[in-house]
Amino acid sequence: MPRWTVPMDAWEAAVTGRAPGVVRVGLAVPLSGPLAMTAPSALGLATLAAGELTDAGGVRGRPLELVTVDAGRRPAEVGADVAALQAAGAVDAVVGFSTSDVSRAVAAVLAGRTPYVFTPPHEGGRGTRGALRIGSSPPVQHAAALAWLVRHRRARRWVLLGTDYVWPQAVHHAARAVLRDLGADVVGELLVPFGPADPGPALDLVRRTRADAVLLSLVGRDLVAFNRAFGRAGLGRRVVRLSGALEENGLYAIGGDDTGELYACMPSFAAAASDAADEGQLALQERLAAHAGPDAPVVCAYARGVHDGVRTAAALLDDRTPARPRPPRARLARADGLVFREVGHPA
């Protein structure tokens, strides 16, 4: 195991003490729950970032270690673990991605006393004191993609479908305004709880409203399950789907998609499959492959965000102003089997 990681079975030891001269960053990523499929990618990219920073001199000459916290559990559980680490002085900063209800719990317990870098797309608004959000808000992430689909795919009648928590609620609010300005209609809307659910009511809503398109703000395995059901229902080739939460791990779990009508708007996509890959993404994938070998996990958007977040936290701890690590607008891509093909910047 590389010297800059703290293994999961050493988490308890991290609470009770630390080696002198080491900077510890809490890594709050989903190791369980709906987003657990992204864990290998997130851990791989966070470890790469910590190792590269350490090899480049660390933070004021001190190496970086990562202390993992499972952010896939209930908000109160995650918050309690982060609070314990903070109370013990066991972390200098926290970085991670999760659902927004979990991130709010983490930000609340840290209360600005310990830097917290939240890396994925977020719900917008003023945020929480002490939390630095480096992802995109719903209008920034979705507006250009919705406009492109309305203009190029004649997607005029939309159903909004998401999980019932703060991020999908904010996405729906933004989408209604964007679609109204585009002259398109929201013909149906549904928010559902986390967890396995009967897809029948959502599928019936799509059929009953004669929707041209569905904006999906489900996450993780719930997003996977719905897309599988959508295909089995025979809707995949005639109804456009757009997701702001679908990345490569999710596409693999779906089993791929060859309908030509499944789209994602995310900050980045795996460069090897991209028609408009940015050089930074390609270089990151090459560095991860050199670090972890040929079986390295895919550099999905969530994982790239974590990599950027670890570097941002290091800059904060080094009293440097961190550069904004993300492009200002999400990319739009179409699923093609097991890969994404970028439409490019749709604005």
Protein backbone atom coordinates (compact mmCIF):
# COMPACT_ATOMS: atom_id res chain seq x y z
CA MET A 1 0.00 0.00 0.00
CA PRO A 2 1.40 3.45 -0.87
CA ARG A 3 2.75 5.35 2.10
CA TRP A 4 0.30 8.22 1.73
CA THR A 5 -2.88 6.26 2.43
CA VAL A 6 -4.45 5.20 5.69
CA PRO A 7 -6.17 1.80 5.29
CA MET A 8 -9.77 1.35 6.36
CA ASP A 9 -8.83 -0.87 9.30
CA ALA A 10 -6.60 1.94 10.63
CA TRP A 11 -9.46 4.45 10.88
CA GLU A 12 -9.83 3.97 14.63
CA ALA A 13 -6.12 4.55 15.11
CA ALA A 14 -6.43 7.79 13.18
CA VAL A 15 -8.83 9.09 15.81
CA THR A 16 -6.50 8.32 18.69
CA GLY A 17 -3.32 9.87 17.31
CA ARG A 18 -1.19 10.70 14.33
CA ALA A 19 2.40 10.51 13.24
CA PRO A 20 4.21 13.83 13.71
CA GLY A 21 4.83 15.95 10.66
CA VAL A 22 1.96 14.52 8.62
CA VAL A 23 -0.99 16.35 7.07
CA ARG A 24 -4.18 14.30 7.19
CA VAL A 25 -7.10 14.87 4.86
CA GLY A 26 -10.40 13.21 5.64
CA LEU A 27 -11.81 11.62 2.48
CA ALA A 28 -15.60 11.43 2.77
CA VAL A 29 -16.76 9.40 -0.22
CA PRO A 30 -19.56 6.81 -0.64
CA LEU A 31 -18.23 3.35 0.19
CA SER A 32 -21.78 2.09 0.60
CA GLY A 33 -25.23 3.21 -0.43
CA PRO A 34 -26.54 4.36 -3.83
CA LEU A 35 -23.23 5.84 -5.03
CA ALA A 36 -20.92 3.04 -3.84
CA MET A 37 -20.21 1.98 -7.43
CA THR A 38 -18.04 5.10 -7.73
CA ALA A 39 -15.84 4.24 -4.73
CA PRO A 40 -12.93 2.55 -6.59
CA SER A 41 -12.61 5.51 -8.94
CA ALA A 42 -12.80 8.03 -6.10
CA LEU A 43 -10.26 6.22 -3.91
CA GLY A 44 -7.89 5.74 -6.83
CA LEU A 45 -7.88 9.41 -7.84
CA ALA A 46 -7.67 10.70 -4.26
CA THR A 47 -4.69 8.44 -3.59
CA LEU A 48 -3.04 9.60 -6.81
CA ALA A 49 -3.49 13.25 -5.83
CA ALA A 50 -2.12 12.72 -2.31
CA GLY A 51 0.86 10.79 -3.64
CA GLU A 52 1.72 13.36 -6.27
CA LEU A 53 1.46 16.18 -3.76
CA THR A 54 3.67 14.32 -1.29
CA ASP A 55 6.27 13.59 -3.96
CA ALA A 56 6.25 17.28 -4.89
CA GLY A 57 7.04 18.34 -1.32
CA GLY A 58 3.69 17.97 0.42
CA VAL A 59 2.16 20.78 2.44
CA ARG A 60 4.98 22.90 3.87
CA GLY A 61 7.25 19.91 3.56
CA ARG A 62 4.85 17.48 5.25
CA PRO A 63 3.47 14.39 3.46
CA LEU A 64 -0.27 13.88 2.97
CA GLU A 65 -2.26 10.97 4.32
CA LEU A 66 -5.91 10.17 3.61
CA VAL A 67 -8.38 9.01 6.27
CA THR A 68 -11.46 7.49 4.66
CA VAL A 69 -15.00 8.03 5.94
CA ASP A 70 -17.97 6.23 4.38
CA ALA A 71 -20.19 9.05 3.11
CA GLY A 72 -22.78 6.63 1.73
CA ARG A 73 -24.60 6.25 5.04
CA ARG A 74 -27.21 8.39 6.74
CA PRO A 75 -26.26 12.05 7.26
CA ALA A 76 -26.21 11.77 11.07
CA GLU A 77 -23.87 8.77 10.96
CA VAL A 78 -21.42 10.42 8.59
CA GLY A 79 -21.56 13.66 10.55
CA ALA A 80 -20.82 11.82 13.79
CA ASP A 81 -17.71 10.16 12.35
CA VAL A 82 -16.41 13.44 10.93
CA ALA A 83 -17.09 15.18 14.25
CA ALA A 84 -15.09 12.50 16.07
CA LEU A 85 -12.13 12.98 13.74
CA GLN A 86 -12.28 16.73 14.18
CA ALA A 87 -12.58 16.53 17.96
CA ALA A 88 -9.50 14.30 18.11
CA GLY A 89 -7.52 16.68 15.91
CA ALA A 90 -7.08 13.79 13.50
CA VAL A 91 -7.78 15.68 10.25
CA ASP A 92 -6.57 19.01 8.92
CA ALA A 93 -9.19 19.20 6.16
CA VAL A 94 -12.04 17.13 4.71
CA VAL A 95 -12.66 16.48 1.02
CA GLY A 96 -15.39 14.48 -0.59
CA PHE A 97 -18.57 13.94 -2.53
CA SER A 98 -21.91 12.56 -1.42
CA THR A 99 -25.56 13.40 -1.65
CA SER A 100 -26.24 16.97 -0.57
CA ASP A 101 -28.02 15.99 2.65
CA VAL A 102 -24.84 14.24 3.78
CA SER A 103 -22.63 17.15 2.75
CA ARG A 104 -24.79 19.53 4.77
CA ALA A 105 -24.37 17.33 7.84
CA VAL A 106 -20.58 17.27 7.37
CA ALA A 107 -20.41 21.04 6.88
CA ALA A 108 -22.54 21.59 9.98
CA VAL A 109 -20.28 19.59 12.30
CA LEU A 110 -17.10 21.11 10.88
CA ALA A 111 -18.69 24.56 11.28
CA GLY A 112 -15.90 26.38 9.50
CA ARG A 113 -13.28 25.21 12.00
CA THR A 114 -11.82 22.66 9.57
CA PRO A 115 -11.69 23.29 5.80
CA TYR A 116 -14.23 21.24 3.84
CA VAL A 117 -14.04 20.89 0.05
CA PHE A 118 -17.23 19.49 -1.52
CA THR A 119 -16.45 18.35 -5.05
CA PRO A 120 -19.50 17.24 -7.13
CA PRO A 121 -22.27 19.26 -8.77
CA HIS A 122 -24.34 20.85 -6.00
CA GLU A 123 -27.73 22.43 -5.35
CA GLY A 124 -26.62 26.06 -5.61
CA GLY A 125 -27.68 28.75 -3.19
CA ARG A 126 -25.45 30.35 -0.59
CA GLY A 127 -24.03 27.09 0.73
CA THR A 128 -22.82 26.41 4.26
CA ARG A 129 -20.15 28.34 6.15
CA GLY A 130 -16.77 26.67 5.86
CA ALA A 131 -17.69 24.50 2.86
CA LEU A 132 -15.93 25.27 -0.42
CA ARG A 133 -17.98 23.87 -3.30
CA ILE A 134 -15.96 23.40 -6.49
CA GLY A 135 -18.68 21.78 -8.62
CA SER A 136 -21.44 23.38 -10.66
CA SER A 137 -24.86 24.61 -9.63
CA PRO A 138 -27.96 23.22 -11.43
CA PRO A 139 -28.35 26.10 -13.93
CA VAL A 140 -24.66 26.01 -14.87
CA GLN A 141 -24.69 22.22 -15.21
CA HIS A 142 -28.00 21.76 -17.03
CA ALA A 143 -29.00 24.88 -18.96
CA ALA A 144 -26.85 24.45 -22.07
CA ALA A 145 -27.58 20.71 -22.29
CA LEU A 146 -31.33 21.29 -22.09
CA ALA A 147 -31.10 23.98 -24.75
CA TRP A 148 -29.11 21.71 -27.09
CA LEU A 149 -31.62 18.88 -26.73
CA VAL A 150 -34.59 21.17 -27.29
CA ARG A 151 -33.01 22.58 -30.45
CA HIS A 152 -31.30 19.53 -31.90
CA ARG A 153 -33.47 16.63 -30.68
CA ARG A 154 -36.82 18.46 -30.72
CA ALA A 155 -37.30 17.56 -27.05
CA ARG A 156 -40.28 19.80 -26.28
CA ARG A 157 -42.29 17.90 -23.68
CA TRP A 158 -40.32 17.05 -20.52
CA VAL A 159 -40.89 14.87 -17.48
CA LEU A 160 -38.71 15.67 -14.46
CA LEU A 161 -37.84 12.61 -12.38
CA GLY A 162 -35.55 12.65 -9.35
CA THR A 163 -34.82 11.42 -5.86
CA ASP A 164 -36.61 13.34 -3.13
CA TYR A 165 -33.80 15.40 -1.56
CA VAL A 166 -32.28 18.83 -1.98
CA TRP A 167 -30.14 18.42 -5.13
CA PRO A 168 -32.87 16.99 -7.42
CA GLN A 169 -35.34 19.52 -6.03
CA ALA A 170 -32.96 22.32 -7.02
CA VAL A 171 -32.35 20.73 -10.43
CA HIS A 172 -36.11 20.62 -11.07
CA HIS A 173 -36.50 24.23 -10.03
CA ALA A 174 -33.74 25.33 -12.42
CA ALA A 175 -34.98 23.10 -15.26
CA ARG A 176 -38.51 24.50 -15.11
CA ALA A 177 -37.17 28.03 -15.59
CA VAL A 178 -34.77 27.04 -18.39
CA LEU A 179 -37.36 25.03 -20.30
CA ARG A 180 -39.95 27.78 -19.97
CA ASP A 181 -37.50 30.27 -21.50
CA LEU A 182 -36.84 27.81 -24.35
CA GLY A 183 -40.54 27.49 -25.10
CA ALA A 184 -40.60 23.85 -23.98
CA ASP A 185 -43.08 22.35 -21.51
CA VAL A 186 -42.77 20.43 -18.26
CA VAL A 187 -45.63 17.94 -18.62
CA GLY A 188 -44.92 15.87 -15.53
CA GLU A 189 -42.79 15.77 -12.39
CA LEU A 190 -42.07 13.08 -9.81
CA LEU A 191 -39.75 12.85 -6.78
CA VAL A 192 -39.23 9.38 -5.28
CA PRO A 193 -37.49 8.09 -2.12
CA PHE A 194 -34.03 6.53 -2.11
CA GLY A 195 -33.90 2.80 -2.54
CA PRO A 196 -35.46 0.07 -4.66
CA ALA A 197 -38.81 1.23 -5.98
CA ASP A 198 -41.43 0.14 -8.48
CA PRO A 199 -40.58 2.04 -11.69
CA GLY A 200 -44.14 1.58 -12.93
CA PRO A 201 -45.55 4.97 -11.82
CA ALA A 202 -42.66 6.86 -13.42
CA LEU A 203 -42.91 4.89 -16.65
CA ASP A 204 -46.67 5.43 -16.71
CA LEU A 205 -46.11 9.17 -16.25
CA VAL A 206 -43.83 9.26 -19.29
CA ARG A 207 -46.36 7.37 -21.41
CA ARG A 208 -49.43 9.24 -20.17
CA THR A 209 -47.94 12.69 -20.79
CA ARG A 210 -46.57 11.72 -24.23
CA ALA A 211 -43.19 13.08 -23.13
CA ASP A 212 -40.40 13.63 -25.64
CA ALA A 213 -37.73 13.68 -22.93
CA VAL A 214 -37.00 12.86 -19.30
CA LEU A 215 -34.60 14.80 -17.07
CA LEU A 216 -33.23 12.24 -14.61
CA SER A 217 -31.99 13.43 -11.22
CA LEU A 218 -31.95 10.00 -9.68
CA VAL A 219 -28.51 8.99 -8.40
CA GLY A 220 -26.35 5.90 -8.24
CA ARG A 221 -28.00 2.51 -8.24
CA ASP A 222 -31.47 4.08 -8.38
CA LEU A 223 -30.50 5.78 -11.63
CA VAL A 224 -29.15 2.47 -12.93
CA ALA A 225 -32.32 0.57 -12.02
CA PHE A 226 -34.60 3.10 -13.70
CA ASN A 227 -32.60 3.14 -16.93
CA ARG A 228 -32.74 -0.65 -17.09
CA ALA A 229 -36.51 -0.56 -16.58
CA PHE A 230 -36.85 2.22 -19.18
CA GLY A 231 -35.15 0.03 -21.76
CA ARG A 232 -37.27 -3.02 -20.91
CA ALA A 233 -40.40 -0.89 -21.30
CA GLY A 234 -39.47 -0.11 -24.90
CA LEU A 235 -39.14 3.63 -24.32
CA GLY A 236 -35.39 3.96 -24.84
CA ARG A 237 -35.37 4.59 -28.59
CA ARG A 238 -38.17 7.13 -28.71
CA VAL A 239 -37.75 9.25 -25.54
CA VAL A 240 -34.64 11.32 -24.83
CA ARG A 241 -33.07 10.93 -21.38
CA LEU A 242 -30.71 13.48 -19.83
CA SER A 243 -28.92 12.94 -16.51
CA GLY A 244 -26.68 15.20 -14.46
CA ALA A 245 -25.54 12.25 -12.33
CA LEU A 246 -24.62 9.55 -14.87
CA GLU A 247 -20.92 8.77 -15.27
CA GLU A 248 -18.98 5.80 -16.60
CA ASN A 249 -19.43 3.53 -13.58
CA GLY A 250 -23.20 4.01 -13.82
CA LEU A 251 -23.17 3.37 -17.56
CA TYR A 252 -21.27 0.12 -16.98
CA ALA A 253 -23.81 -0.92 -14.36
CA ILE A 254 -26.69 -0.24 -16.75
CA GLY A 255 -25.00 -2.60 -19.18
CA GLY A 256 -24.37 0.16 -21.69
CA ASP A 257 -26.88 1.86 -23.94
CA ASP A 258 -27.13 1.79 -27.73
CA THR A 259 -30.38 3.69 -28.19
CA GLY A 260 -28.69 6.96 -29.12
CA GLU A 261 -31.08 8.80 -26.80
CA LEU A 262 -29.32 8.62 -23.41
CA TYR A 263 -27.33 11.77 -22.58
CA ALA A 264 -25.30 12.97 -19.61
CA CYS A 265 -24.14 16.47 -18.67
CA MET A 266 -21.10 16.15 -16.43
CA PRO A 267 -17.87 18.10 -15.84
CA SER A 268 -15.80 15.48 -17.68
CA PHE A 269 -15.90 12.10 -19.37
CA ALA A 270 -13.28 9.38 -19.78
CA ALA A 271 -10.89 10.73 -22.41
CA ALA A 272 -10.27 7.48 -24.26
CA ALA A 273 -13.89 7.45 -25.42
CA SER A 274 -14.28 11.17 -25.94
CA ASP A 275 -14.67 12.89 -29.26
CA ALA A 276 -13.57 16.16 -27.66
CA ALA A 277 -11.36 15.02 -24.80
CA ASP A 278 -9.52 17.68 -22.87
CA GLU A 279 -5.80 17.15 -22.46
CA GLY A 280 -6.02 17.36 -18.68
CA GLN A 281 -8.42 14.41 -18.53
CA LEU A 282 -6.22 12.29 -20.80
CA ALA A 283 -3.12 13.09 -18.76
CA LEU A 284 -4.93 12.22 -15.54
CA GLN A 285 -5.99 8.84 -16.89
CA GLU A 286 -2.44 8.11 -18.01
CA ARG A 287 -1.03 9.03 -14.58
CA LEU A 288 -3.60 6.83 -12.81
CA ALA A 289 -2.76 3.90 -15.10
CA ALA A 290 0.94 4.36 -14.34
CA HIS A 291 0.17 4.49 -10.62
CA ALA A 292 -2.39 1.67 -10.35
CA GLY A 293 -1.61 -0.52 -13.36
CA PRO A 294 -3.77 -1.74 -16.24
CA ASP A 295 -6.71 -2.49 -13.94
CA ALA A 296 -6.96 1.11 -12.74
CA PRO A 297 -10.55 2.29 -12.30
CA VAL A 298 -12.10 4.68 -14.77
CA VAL A 299 -11.55 8.40 -14.23
CA CYS A 300 -15.21 9.33 -13.89
CA ALA A 301 -16.35 12.91 -13.21
CA TYR A 302 -16.89 12.26 -9.50
CA ALA A 303 -13.37 10.85 -9.16
CA ARG A 304 -11.81 13.72 -11.07
CA GLY A 305 -13.61 16.08 -8.72
CA VAL A 306 -12.11 14.31 -5.71
CA HIS A 307 -8.63 14.57 -7.26
CA ASP A 308 -9.18 18.30 -7.74
CA GLY A 309 -10.58 18.55 -4.22
CA VAL A 310 -7.51 17.00 -2.57
CA ARG A 311 -5.29 19.44 -4.45
CA THR A 312 -7.57 22.33 -3.49
CA ALA A 313 -7.45 21.33 0.18
CA ALA A 314 -3.66 21.14 0.04
CA ALA A 315 -3.53 24.68 -1.38
CA LEU A 316 -5.80 25.93 1.41
CA LEU A 317 -3.65 24.29 4.08
CA ASP A 318 -0.54 25.72 2.44
CA ASP A 319 -2.07 29.21 2.69
CA ARG A 320 -2.21 29.46 -1.09
CA THR A 321 -5.24 30.59 -3.07
CA PRO A 322 -6.40 27.44 -4.88
CA ALA A 323 -6.96 27.70 -8.61
CA ARG A 324 -10.49 26.84 -9.73
CA PRO A 325 -9.95 23.28 -10.98
CA ARG A 326 -13.07 22.82 -13.08
CA PRO A 327 -14.36 24.19 -16.37
CA PRO A 328 -17.25 26.60 -15.79
CA ARG A 329 -19.78 24.59 -17.78
CA ALA A 330 -20.56 20.88 -17.99
CA ARG A 331 -19.99 18.84 -21.12
CA LEU A 332 -22.76 16.99 -22.91
CA ALA A 333 -22.26 13.43 -24.10
CA ARG A 334 -24.35 10.64 -25.64
CA ALA A 335 -24.05 7.05 -24.46
CA ASP A 336 -22.69 4.73 -27.15
CA GLY A 337 -22.64 1.24 -25.77
CA LEU A 338 -20.32 1.31 -22.77
CA VAL A 339 -18.73 4.67 -23.55
CA PHE A 340 -19.75 8.32 -23.82
CA ARG A 341 -19.28 10.28 -27.03
CA GLU A 342 -19.17 13.98 -26.39
CA VAL A 343 -21.42 16.38 -28.19
CA GLY A 344 -18.96 18.96 -26.88
CA HIS A 345 -19.69 22.20 -25.06
CA PRO A 346 -23.34 22.63 -26.05
CA ALA A 347 -23.58 26.37 -25.32
